[in-house]
Amino acid sequence: MAVPKGKVSRQRRDKRRSSHWKLAAPTVVKCPNCGAFVLPHHACKACGEYNGRSVLKVEE
């Protein structure tokens, strides 16, 4: 049966685990209507358009 030779310190353990939980930055695209940055497949919060049509009422 496999038995560890010695205690692994918290620092060494956490260094090993650190790369498993990295979050990727969300992809953003420019709205074709107003040029604001929007998440893909989401309605633009600046102008209220999605897929070439108005889907949200935006107060100006």
N, C-alpha and C. Protein backbone atom coordinates (compact mmCIF):
# COMPACT_ATOMS: atom_id res chain seq x y z
N MET A 1 0.84 -1.18 0.00
CA MET A 1 0.00 0.00 0.00
C MET A 1 0.89 1.25 0.00
N ALA A 2 0.51 2.26 -0.76
CA ALA A 2 1.32 3.47 -0.85
C ALA A 2 1.13 4.32 0.40
N VAL A 3 2.27 4.73 0.97
CA VAL A 3 2.25 5.56 2.18
C VAL A 3 3.16 6.76 1.93
N PRO A 4 2.70 7.99 2.25
CA PRO A 4 3.56 9.15 2.06
C PRO A 4 4.79 9.09 2.96
N LYS A 5 5.96 9.52 2.44
CA LYS A 5 7.19 9.48 3.23
C LYS A 5 7.21 10.57 4.29
N GLY A 6 6.61 11.71 3.98
CA GLY A 6 6.62 12.80 4.96
C GLY A 6 5.44 13.71 4.75
N LYS A 7 5.20 14.57 5.76
CA LYS A 7 4.08 15.49 5.67
C LYS A 7 4.34 16.53 4.58
N VAL A 8 3.34 16.80 3.76
CA VAL A 8 3.44 17.83 2.75
C VAL A 8 2.93 19.12 3.38
N SER A 9 3.77 20.16 3.35
CA SER A 9 3.40 21.42 3.98
C SER A 9 2.21 22.06 3.27
N ARG A 10 1.54 22.96 3.97
CA ARG A 10 0.39 23.65 3.38
C ARG A 10 0.82 24.45 2.16
N GLN A 11 2.01 25.05 2.22
CA GLN A 11 2.49 25.85 1.10
C GLN A 11 2.71 24.98 -0.13
N ARG A 12 3.36 23.85 0.04
CA ARG A 12 3.62 22.97 -1.10
C ARG A 12 2.31 22.40 -1.65
N ARG A 13 1.41 22.01 -0.76
CA ARG A 13 0.12 21.47 -1.20
C ARG A 13 -0.66 22.52 -1.98
N ASP A 14 -0.70 23.75 -1.47
CA ASP A 14 -1.49 24.80 -2.12
C ASP A 14 -0.86 25.26 -3.43
N LYS A 15 0.47 25.23 -3.52
CA LYS A 15 1.13 25.56 -4.78
C LYS A 15 0.73 24.57 -5.86
N ARG A 16 0.65 23.30 -5.48
CA ARG A 16 0.29 22.27 -6.44
C ARG A 16 -1.16 22.44 -6.90
N ARG A 17 -2.03 22.84 -6.00
CA ARG A 17 -3.46 22.96 -6.32
C ARG A 17 -3.82 24.29 -6.99
N SER A 18 -2.91 25.24 -7.00
CA SER A 18 -3.26 26.60 -7.42
C SER A 18 -3.71 26.67 -8.87
N SER A 19 -3.13 25.85 -9.75
CA SER A 19 -3.44 25.97 -11.16
C SER A 19 -4.77 25.34 -11.55
N HIS A 20 -5.39 24.59 -10.66
CA HIS A 20 -6.64 23.92 -10.99
C HIS A 20 -7.84 24.84 -10.93
N TRP A 21 -7.72 25.98 -10.24
CA TRP A 21 -8.88 26.82 -9.98
C TRP A 21 -8.81 28.16 -10.69
N LYS A 22 -7.95 28.28 -11.71
CA LYS A 22 -7.84 29.56 -12.41
C LYS A 22 -9.12 29.81 -13.20
N LEU A 23 -9.60 31.02 -13.11
CA LEU A 23 -10.79 31.41 -13.87
C LEU A 23 -10.35 32.11 -15.15
N ALA A 24 -10.98 31.76 -16.24
CA ALA A 24 -10.68 32.42 -17.51
C ALA A 24 -11.46 33.73 -17.58
N ALA A 25 -10.86 34.74 -18.16
CA ALA A 25 -11.54 36.02 -18.33
C ALA A 25 -12.69 35.82 -19.32
N PRO A 26 -13.85 36.43 -19.05
CA PRO A 26 -14.97 36.25 -19.96
C PRO A 26 -14.69 36.88 -21.32
N THR A 27 -15.17 36.25 -22.36
CA THR A 27 -15.02 36.77 -23.71
C THR A 27 -16.01 37.91 -23.91
N VAL A 28 -15.53 39.00 -24.46
CA VAL A 28 -16.43 40.12 -24.75
C VAL A 28 -16.31 40.47 -26.22
N VAL A 29 -17.41 40.90 -26.79
CA VAL A 29 -17.45 41.33 -28.19
C VAL A 29 -18.08 42.72 -28.24
N LYS A 30 -17.85 43.42 -29.34
CA LYS A 30 -18.45 44.74 -29.50
C LYS A 30 -19.85 44.61 -30.08
N CYS A 31 -20.75 45.38 -29.56
CA CYS A 31 -22.12 45.43 -30.08
C CYS A 31 -22.07 46.02 -31.48
N PRO A 32 -22.66 45.35 -32.48
CA PRO A 32 -22.62 45.89 -33.84
C PRO A 32 -23.42 47.18 -34.00
N ASN A 33 -24.35 47.44 -33.08
CA ASN A 33 -25.20 48.62 -33.19
C ASN A 33 -24.54 49.86 -32.57
N CYS A 34 -24.07 49.73 -31.30
CA CYS A 34 -23.55 50.92 -30.61
C CYS A 34 -22.06 50.84 -30.30
N GLY A 35 -21.46 49.66 -30.40
CA GLY A 35 -20.04 49.53 -30.15
C GLY A 35 -19.66 49.26 -28.70
N ALA A 36 -20.64 49.10 -27.82
CA ALA A 36 -20.35 48.80 -26.41
C ALA A 36 -19.91 47.34 -26.29
N PHE A 37 -19.13 47.04 -25.25
CA PHE A 37 -18.68 45.68 -25.04
C PHE A 37 -19.79 44.86 -24.37
N VAL A 38 -20.07 43.67 -24.94
CA VAL A 38 -21.19 42.84 -24.50
C VAL A 38 -20.71 41.39 -24.43
N LEU A 39 -21.27 40.60 -23.52
CA LEU A 39 -21.01 39.17 -23.52
C LEU A 39 -21.67 38.55 -24.75
N PRO A 40 -21.05 37.54 -25.36
CA PRO A 40 -21.65 36.92 -26.54
C PRO A 40 -23.01 36.29 -26.20
N HIS A 41 -23.93 36.37 -27.11
CA HIS A 41 -25.28 35.80 -26.98
C HIS A 41 -26.07 36.45 -25.85
N HIS A 42 -25.80 37.72 -25.58
CA HIS A 42 -26.54 38.49 -24.59
C HIS A 42 -27.01 39.79 -25.23
N ALA A 43 -28.13 40.32 -24.76
CA ALA A 43 -28.61 41.60 -25.25
C ALA A 43 -27.70 42.71 -24.74
N CYS A 44 -27.52 43.73 -25.55
CA CYS A 44 -26.67 44.87 -25.18
C CYS A 44 -27.41 45.71 -24.14
N LYS A 45 -26.74 46.01 -23.03
CA LYS A 45 -27.38 46.82 -21.99
C LYS A 45 -27.36 48.30 -22.33
N ALA A 46 -26.49 48.69 -23.25
CA ALA A 46 -26.40 50.11 -23.62
C ALA A 46 -27.51 50.51 -24.59
N CYS A 47 -27.77 49.67 -25.61
CA CYS A 47 -28.78 50.06 -26.61
C CYS A 47 -29.99 49.12 -26.61
N GLY A 48 -29.91 47.96 -25.97
CA GLY A 48 -31.05 47.07 -25.87
C GLY A 48 -31.29 46.20 -27.08
N GLU A 49 -30.30 46.04 -27.95
CA GLU A 49 -30.48 45.24 -29.16
C GLU A 49 -29.84 43.87 -29.03
N TYR A 50 -30.45 42.88 -29.68
CA TYR A 50 -29.89 41.54 -29.77
C TYR A 50 -30.27 40.96 -31.11
N ASN A 51 -29.28 40.49 -31.84
CA ASN A 51 -29.49 39.85 -33.14
C ASN A 51 -30.22 40.77 -34.12
N GLY A 52 -29.89 42.06 -34.08
CA GLY A 52 -30.45 43.00 -35.03
C GLY A 52 -31.83 43.54 -34.71
N ARG A 53 -32.37 43.22 -33.53
CA ARG A 53 -33.69 43.76 -33.18
C ARG A 53 -33.68 44.24 -31.74
N SER A 54 -34.57 45.15 -31.43
CA SER A 54 -34.65 45.73 -30.09
C SER A 54 -35.41 44.78 -29.17
N VAL A 55 -34.77 44.37 -28.08
CA VAL A 55 -35.42 43.44 -27.15
C VAL A 55 -35.54 44.02 -25.75
N LEU A 56 -34.83 45.12 -25.45
CA LEU A 56 -34.90 45.75 -24.15
C LEU A 56 -35.22 47.23 -24.31
N LYS A 57 -36.00 47.76 -23.40
CA LYS A 57 -36.25 49.19 -23.38
C LYS A 57 -35.18 49.83 -22.51
N VAL A 58 -34.42 50.75 -23.11
CA VAL A 58 -33.30 51.38 -22.39
C VAL A 58 -33.65 52.85 -22.17
N GLU A 59 -33.52 53.29 -20.91
CA GLU A 59 -33.75 54.69 -20.60
C GLU A 59 -32.50 55.48 -20.96
N GLU A 60 -32.68 56.61 -21.61
CA GLU A 60 -31.53 57.43 -22.02
C GLU A 60 -31.36 58.62 -21.12
